[in-house]
Amino acid sequence: MWTSKHIFIHDYKLVDVFLQENLLPLINRCALDKWFFIRYWQGGPHIRLRYKIKELQVKHDFEKELEDTLRDFQLEYQNEKFSEVSYDDRVVQLEGVKDLKVYPNFSIQDILYVPEVARYGGEEAVSFSEELFSYSSELASYVIQEIAWPKRYIIAFDVMFYSYKMAEKLGIAPAREVFFSNYNQVWSSFKDREELSKIQGLLQTRLEQLENKESIPKVYNKYFESMENNLKLIMEHQNVYTKETMYYILISHIHMLNNRLGLSPQNEYLLSRVFLKKGDYSNEVMGL
């Protein structure tokens, strides 16, 4: 059973700092048996950490150090001016969330982890997605600690590209235009001008480079090996999707890695546009 901790820090930039400088290094030191995380907004900006630790003493020591680490982080930023927690109505509507209670800043809450069973193919399949969550979190941990913005956009873009190639390999991919149109449509209400126009040309060039590569860069190997193995198991055990709609599980996994990397819904909207017709994307970015 997963232990679930929600770590509230009421500033998205400080959430990233805490991940980079505190939480992820702590996890690396403690070598948890299994773990994954996401970022979320409900109740105030926070990190949702899920983990399994067999040894009770190791679990106790990790949780004590987690509390101490957050306390030290709070002292470091005690003079920070925090804005009142507010919600983007588009996100609330998209997620269908009704409980908007705000939790205290710099707090750790024990809140039950409820897997999104249907989204990931049913009771018999969800554990394989959780296995992939762990590998996704390990990749995100490396990127967050070692790679600065805006290069994270490139990582996210690469993973989107190779995830589609994986869907092709497994025989569950529609046309690329259809795949990324459906991905893009999820975020269609986020056409704000938090634009990636400065790196639009770089992303177009990157797409051309990826299309000409014969193999996946080594930094992604572990993640995509896990993706292939677990998607095969999901395909075997899931009972929610048809073969034609199975790729929606992969779309969810792409989004979850982007979430872990800290991409906003606006970022996801614009990144996915690059895979569509170039002219359409250019018009979108330029506001034409």
Protein backbone atom coordinates (compact mmCIF):
# COMPACT_ATOMS: atom_id res chain seq x y z
CA MET A 1 0.00 0.00 0.00
CA TRP A 2 1.22 3.46 -0.87
CA THR A 3 1.87 6.06 1.82
CA SER A 4 0.68 9.47 0.65
CA LYS A 5 2.01 12.84 1.81
CA HIS A 6 0.85 16.19 0.44
CA ILE A 7 3.53 18.85 0.98
CA PHE A 8 2.03 22.34 0.80
CA ILE A 9 4.14 25.34 -0.22
CA HIS A 10 1.95 28.18 -1.43
CA ASP A 11 4.15 29.34 -4.28
CA TYR A 12 4.76 27.37 -7.48
CA LYS A 13 8.31 28.64 -7.92
CA LEU A 14 9.19 27.63 -4.36
CA VAL A 15 7.65 24.21 -5.00
CA ASP A 16 10.21 23.82 -7.77
CA VAL A 17 13.02 25.03 -5.51
CA PHE A 18 11.99 22.61 -2.76
CA LEU A 19 11.91 19.73 -5.22
CA GLN A 20 15.27 20.61 -6.74
CA GLU A 21 17.24 21.47 -3.62
CA ASN A 22 15.52 19.52 -0.84
CA LEU A 23 12.98 16.80 -1.51
CA LEU A 24 14.52 15.00 -4.49
CA PRO A 25 18.03 14.94 -2.98
CA LEU A 26 16.46 13.57 0.23
CA ILE A 27 14.73 10.80 -1.71
CA ASN A 28 17.99 9.97 -3.47
CA ARG A 29 19.77 9.65 -0.13
CA CYS A 30 17.07 7.52 1.48
CA ALA A 31 16.65 5.10 -1.43
CA LEU A 32 12.91 4.45 -1.05
CA ASP A 33 11.65 1.08 -2.28
CA LYS A 34 9.11 2.70 -4.64
CA TRP A 35 8.04 6.30 -5.03
CA PHE A 36 6.50 8.83 -7.37
CA PHE A 37 5.27 12.38 -7.17
CA ILE A 38 3.11 14.92 -8.95
CA ARG A 39 2.54 18.64 -8.53
CA TYR A 40 -0.98 19.83 -7.83
CA TRP A 41 -3.01 22.93 -6.99
CA GLN A 42 -6.08 21.75 -4.99
CA GLY A 43 -5.81 23.11 -1.45
CA GLY A 44 -2.90 25.36 -2.46
CA PRO A 45 0.25 24.62 -4.49
CA HIS A 46 1.77 21.36 -3.28
CA ILE A 47 3.64 18.15 -4.04
CA ARG A 48 1.86 14.81 -3.80
CA LEU A 49 4.42 12.22 -2.76
CA ARG A 50 3.55 8.52 -2.77
CA TYR A 51 6.00 5.90 -1.57
CA LYS A 52 6.50 2.37 -0.29
CA ILE A 53 9.14 1.51 2.34
CA LYS A 54 9.27 -2.04 3.70
CA GLU A 55 11.49 -1.41 6.73
CA LEU A 56 9.56 0.43 9.45
CA GLN A 57 12.65 2.13 10.87
CA VAL A 58 13.69 3.38 7.43
CA LYS A 59 10.15 4.70 6.93
CA HIS A 60 10.21 6.45 10.30
CA ASP A 61 13.61 8.00 9.62
CA PHE A 62 12.58 9.23 6.18
CA GLU A 63 9.38 10.83 7.45
CA LYS A 64 11.23 12.52 10.31
CA GLU A 65 13.82 13.89 7.91
CA LEU A 66 11.07 15.04 5.55
CA GLU A 67 9.45 17.04 8.37
CA ASP A 68 12.81 18.52 9.37
CA THR A 69 13.62 19.42 5.78
CA LEU A 70 10.34 21.27 5.29
CA ARG A 71 10.79 23.06 8.62
CA ASP A 72 14.26 24.25 7.58
CA PHE A 73 12.89 25.35 4.21
CA GLN A 74 10.16 27.35 5.96
CA LEU A 75 12.77 29.13 8.09
CA GLU A 76 14.78 29.93 4.98
CA TYR A 77 11.75 31.56 3.34
CA GLN A 78 10.02 32.95 6.43
CA ASN A 79 10.14 36.50 5.04
CA GLU A 80 8.72 35.51 1.68
CA LYS A 81 5.49 37.30 0.72
CA PHE A 82 2.90 34.73 -0.32
CA SER A 83 -0.20 35.54 -2.35
CA GLU A 84 -3.55 34.31 -1.14
CA VAL A 85 -4.40 30.92 -2.64
CA SER A 86 -6.70 31.28 -5.64
CA TYR A 87 -7.84 28.89 -8.34
CA ASP A 88 -7.95 29.05 -12.12
CA ASP A 89 -11.58 28.33 -13.02
CA ARG A 90 -10.47 26.53 -16.18
CA VAL A 91 -8.42 24.06 -14.16
CA VAL A 92 -11.20 23.52 -11.62
CA GLN A 93 -13.64 22.80 -14.45
CA LEU A 94 -11.21 20.54 -16.33
CA GLU A 95 -10.43 18.48 -13.21
CA GLY A 96 -14.01 18.45 -11.94
CA VAL A 97 -12.84 19.29 -8.40
CA LYS A 98 -15.41 20.39 -5.80
CA ASP A 99 -13.44 20.34 -2.54
CA LEU A 100 -11.50 23.63 -2.59
CA LYS A 101 -10.44 23.71 1.06
CA VAL A 102 -7.06 25.42 1.50
CA TYR A 103 -4.42 23.65 3.63
CA PRO A 104 -1.81 25.53 5.71
CA ASN A 105 1.34 26.76 4.01
CA PHE A 106 4.51 24.74 4.83
CA SER A 107 2.47 21.78 6.05
CA ILE A 108 2.54 18.04 5.38
CA GLN A 109 -0.89 16.43 5.20
CA ASP A 110 -1.67 12.70 5.28
CA ILE A 111 -4.25 12.48 2.50
CA LEU A 112 -5.28 9.11 1.09
CA TYR A 113 -4.03 8.23 -2.38
CA VAL A 114 -6.96 7.17 -4.56
CA PRO A 115 -5.72 5.78 -7.90
CA GLU A 116 -7.49 6.94 -11.07
CA VAL A 117 -8.41 3.38 -11.90
CA ALA A 118 -10.60 3.96 -14.96
CA ARG A 119 -8.19 6.47 -16.49
CA TYR A 120 -5.40 3.89 -16.42
CA GLY A 121 -7.32 0.87 -17.68
CA GLY A 122 -9.05 -0.66 -14.66
CA GLU A 123 -8.19 -2.47 -11.43
CA GLU A 124 -6.03 -5.13 -13.08
CA ALA A 125 -3.97 -2.60 -15.06
CA VAL A 126 -3.42 0.41 -12.79
CA SER A 127 -0.41 -1.08 -10.97
CA PHE A 128 1.53 -1.14 -14.24
CA SER A 129 0.90 2.58 -14.69
CA GLU A 130 2.11 3.12 -11.11
CA GLU A 131 5.31 1.30 -12.04
CA LEU A 132 5.74 3.71 -14.94
CA PHE A 133 4.97 6.64 -12.61
CA SER A 134 8.04 5.61 -10.63
CA TYR A 135 10.31 5.62 -13.67
CA SER A 136 8.77 8.90 -14.83
CA SER A 137 9.52 10.43 -11.42
CA GLU A 138 13.12 9.21 -11.57
CA LEU A 139 13.59 10.82 -14.98
CA ALA A 140 11.94 14.03 -13.76
CA SER A 141 14.14 14.00 -10.66
CA TYR A 142 17.28 13.87 -12.80
CA VAL A 143 16.05 16.65 -15.09
CA ILE A 144 14.91 18.94 -12.26
CA GLN A 145 18.22 18.60 -10.42
CA GLU A 146 20.56 18.71 -13.41
CA ILE A 147 18.94 20.63 -16.27
CA ALA A 148 17.94 24.29 -16.16
CA TRP A 149 15.00 26.00 -17.80
CA PRO A 150 14.30 26.36 -20.71
CA LYS A 151 15.96 23.05 -21.58
CA ARG A 152 13.20 21.25 -19.71
CA TYR A 153 10.94 22.19 -22.62
CA ILE A 154 13.24 20.22 -24.90
CA ILE A 155 13.13 17.19 -22.59
CA ALA A 156 9.33 17.33 -22.50
CA PHE A 157 9.20 17.73 -26.28
CA ASP A 158 11.54 14.76 -26.80
CA VAL A 159 9.45 12.55 -24.53
CA MET A 160 6.26 13.54 -26.35
CA PHE A 161 7.88 12.57 -29.66
CA TYR A 162 9.25 9.25 -28.46
CA SER A 163 6.04 8.37 -26.63
CA TYR A 164 4.20 8.62 -29.92
CA LYS A 165 6.87 6.46 -31.57
CA MET A 166 6.30 3.91 -28.80
CA ALA A 167 2.58 3.91 -29.55
CA GLU A 168 3.44 3.23 -33.19
CA LYS A 169 5.75 0.37 -32.20
CA LEU A 170 3.03 -1.25 -30.09
CA GLY A 171 0.38 -0.83 -32.76
CA ILE A 172 -1.89 1.51 -30.80
CA ALA A 173 -1.10 4.81 -32.54
CA PRO A 174 -3.51 6.76 -34.71
CA ALA A 175 -2.05 9.23 -37.21
CA ARG A 176 0.36 11.63 -35.50
CA GLU A 177 -1.93 14.55 -36.34
CA VAL A 178 -4.82 12.80 -34.58
CA PHE A 179 -2.73 11.85 -31.53
CA PHE A 180 -1.43 15.34 -30.88
CA SER A 181 -4.68 17.05 -31.89
CA ASN A 182 -6.41 15.08 -29.14
CA TYR A 183 -3.63 15.92 -26.70
CA ASN A 184 -3.80 19.58 -27.69
CA GLN A 185 -7.58 19.67 -27.38
CA VAL A 186 -7.37 18.81 -23.66
CA TRP A 187 -5.56 22.11 -23.11
CA SER A 188 -7.50 24.20 -25.66
CA SER A 189 -8.86 26.54 -22.98
CA PHE A 190 -5.29 27.56 -22.08
CA LYS A 191 -4.48 29.77 -25.05
CA ASP A 192 -3.00 32.45 -22.81
CA ARG A 193 0.02 34.34 -24.03
CA GLU A 194 2.46 32.46 -21.85
CA GLU A 195 4.04 31.72 -25.19
CA LEU A 196 7.02 29.63 -26.20
CA SER A 197 7.56 31.74 -29.31
CA LYS A 198 11.17 32.39 -28.28
CA ILE A 199 11.95 28.71 -28.69
CA GLN A 200 9.44 27.91 -31.44
CA GLY A 201 12.18 27.76 -34.06
CA LEU A 202 14.33 25.63 -31.77
CA LEU A 203 11.48 23.16 -31.28
CA GLN A 204 10.83 22.94 -35.01
CA THR A 205 14.52 22.23 -35.55
CA ARG A 206 14.46 19.72 -32.72
CA LEU A 207 11.53 17.91 -34.33
CA GLU A 208 13.48 17.58 -37.57
CA GLN A 209 16.48 16.25 -35.63
CA LEU A 210 14.36 13.70 -33.78
CA GLU A 211 12.79 12.48 -37.01
CA ASN A 212 16.28 11.81 -38.38
CA LYS A 213 17.63 10.01 -35.30
CA GLU A 214 17.89 6.23 -35.52
CA SER A 215 17.79 5.57 -31.76
CA ILE A 216 16.50 7.10 -28.54
CA PRO A 217 19.12 9.18 -26.66
CA LYS A 218 20.62 7.17 -23.79
CA VAL A 219 19.28 9.51 -21.11
CA TYR A 220 15.74 8.29 -21.94
CA ASN A 221 16.50 4.57 -22.29
CA LYS A 222 15.46 3.44 -18.81
CA TYR A 223 12.17 5.31 -18.99
CA PHE A 224 11.19 4.03 -22.42
CA GLU A 225 12.20 0.47 -21.61
CA SER A 226 9.82 0.67 -18.66
CA MET A 227 7.17 2.29 -20.84
CA GLU A 228 7.32 -0.50 -23.41
CA ASN A 229 7.23 -3.27 -20.80
CA ASN A 230 4.42 -1.74 -18.77
CA LEU A 231 2.30 -0.69 -21.75
CA LYS A 232 2.39 -4.28 -23.00
CA LEU A 233 1.14 -5.42 -19.59
CA ILE A 234 -1.50 -2.68 -19.55
CA MET A 235 -2.70 -3.76 -23.00
CA GLU A 236 -2.99 -7.32 -21.72
CA HIS A 237 -4.83 -6.53 -18.47
CA GLN A 238 -6.85 -3.34 -19.09
CA ASN A 239 -10.63 -3.55 -19.59
CA VAL A 240 -11.60 0.07 -20.22
CA TYR A 241 -10.32 1.01 -23.68
CA THR A 242 -10.65 -0.44 -27.15
CA LYS A 243 -7.45 -1.01 -29.11
CA GLU A 244 -8.27 2.16 -31.07
CA THR A 245 -8.48 4.29 -27.89
CA MET A 246 -5.69 2.63 -25.86
CA TYR A 247 -3.37 5.52 -26.71
CA TYR A 248 -5.30 7.75 -24.29
CA ILE A 249 -3.46 5.99 -21.45
CA LEU A 250 -0.20 7.06 -23.08
CA ILE A 251 -1.49 10.62 -23.40
CA SER A 252 -2.09 10.58 -19.63
CA HIS A 253 1.48 9.41 -19.01
CA ILE A 254 2.88 12.17 -21.22
CA HIS A 255 0.91 14.71 -19.23
CA MET A 256 2.07 13.29 -15.90
CA LEU A 257 5.74 13.59 -16.85
CA ASN A 258 5.14 17.15 -18.05
CA ASN A 259 3.47 17.85 -14.71
CA ARG A 260 6.47 16.47 -12.82
CA LEU A 261 8.80 18.65 -14.87
CA GLY A 262 6.74 21.72 -13.95
CA LEU A 263 5.16 22.54 -17.30
CA SER A 264 2.01 24.64 -17.16
CA PRO A 265 -1.20 23.85 -19.09
CA GLN A 266 -0.26 26.71 -21.41
CA ASN A 267 3.10 25.05 -22.06
CA GLU A 268 1.40 21.74 -22.84
CA TYR A 269 -0.98 23.44 -25.25
CA LEU A 270 1.82 25.13 -27.14
CA LEU A 271 4.27 22.21 -27.14
CA SER A 272 1.67 19.88 -28.60
CA ARG A 273 0.92 22.45 -31.32
CA VAL A 274 4.43 21.99 -32.72
CA PHE A 275 3.50 18.45 -33.79
CA LEU A 276 0.55 19.74 -35.79
CA LYS A 277 0.71 21.57 -39.09
CA LYS A 278 3.47 24.14 -38.90
CA GLY A 279 1.35 26.87 -40.42
CA ASP A 280 -1.43 26.40 -37.89
CA TYR A 281 1.02 26.50 -35.00
CA SER A 282 2.74 29.63 -36.31
CA ASN A 283 -0.58 31.44 -36.61
CA GLU A 284 -1.52 30.41 -33.07
CA VAL A 285 1.71 31.71 -31.58
CA MET A 286 1.67 34.95 -33.54
CA GLY A 287 -1.96 35.58 -32.63
CA LEU A 288 -3.05 35.75 -36.29
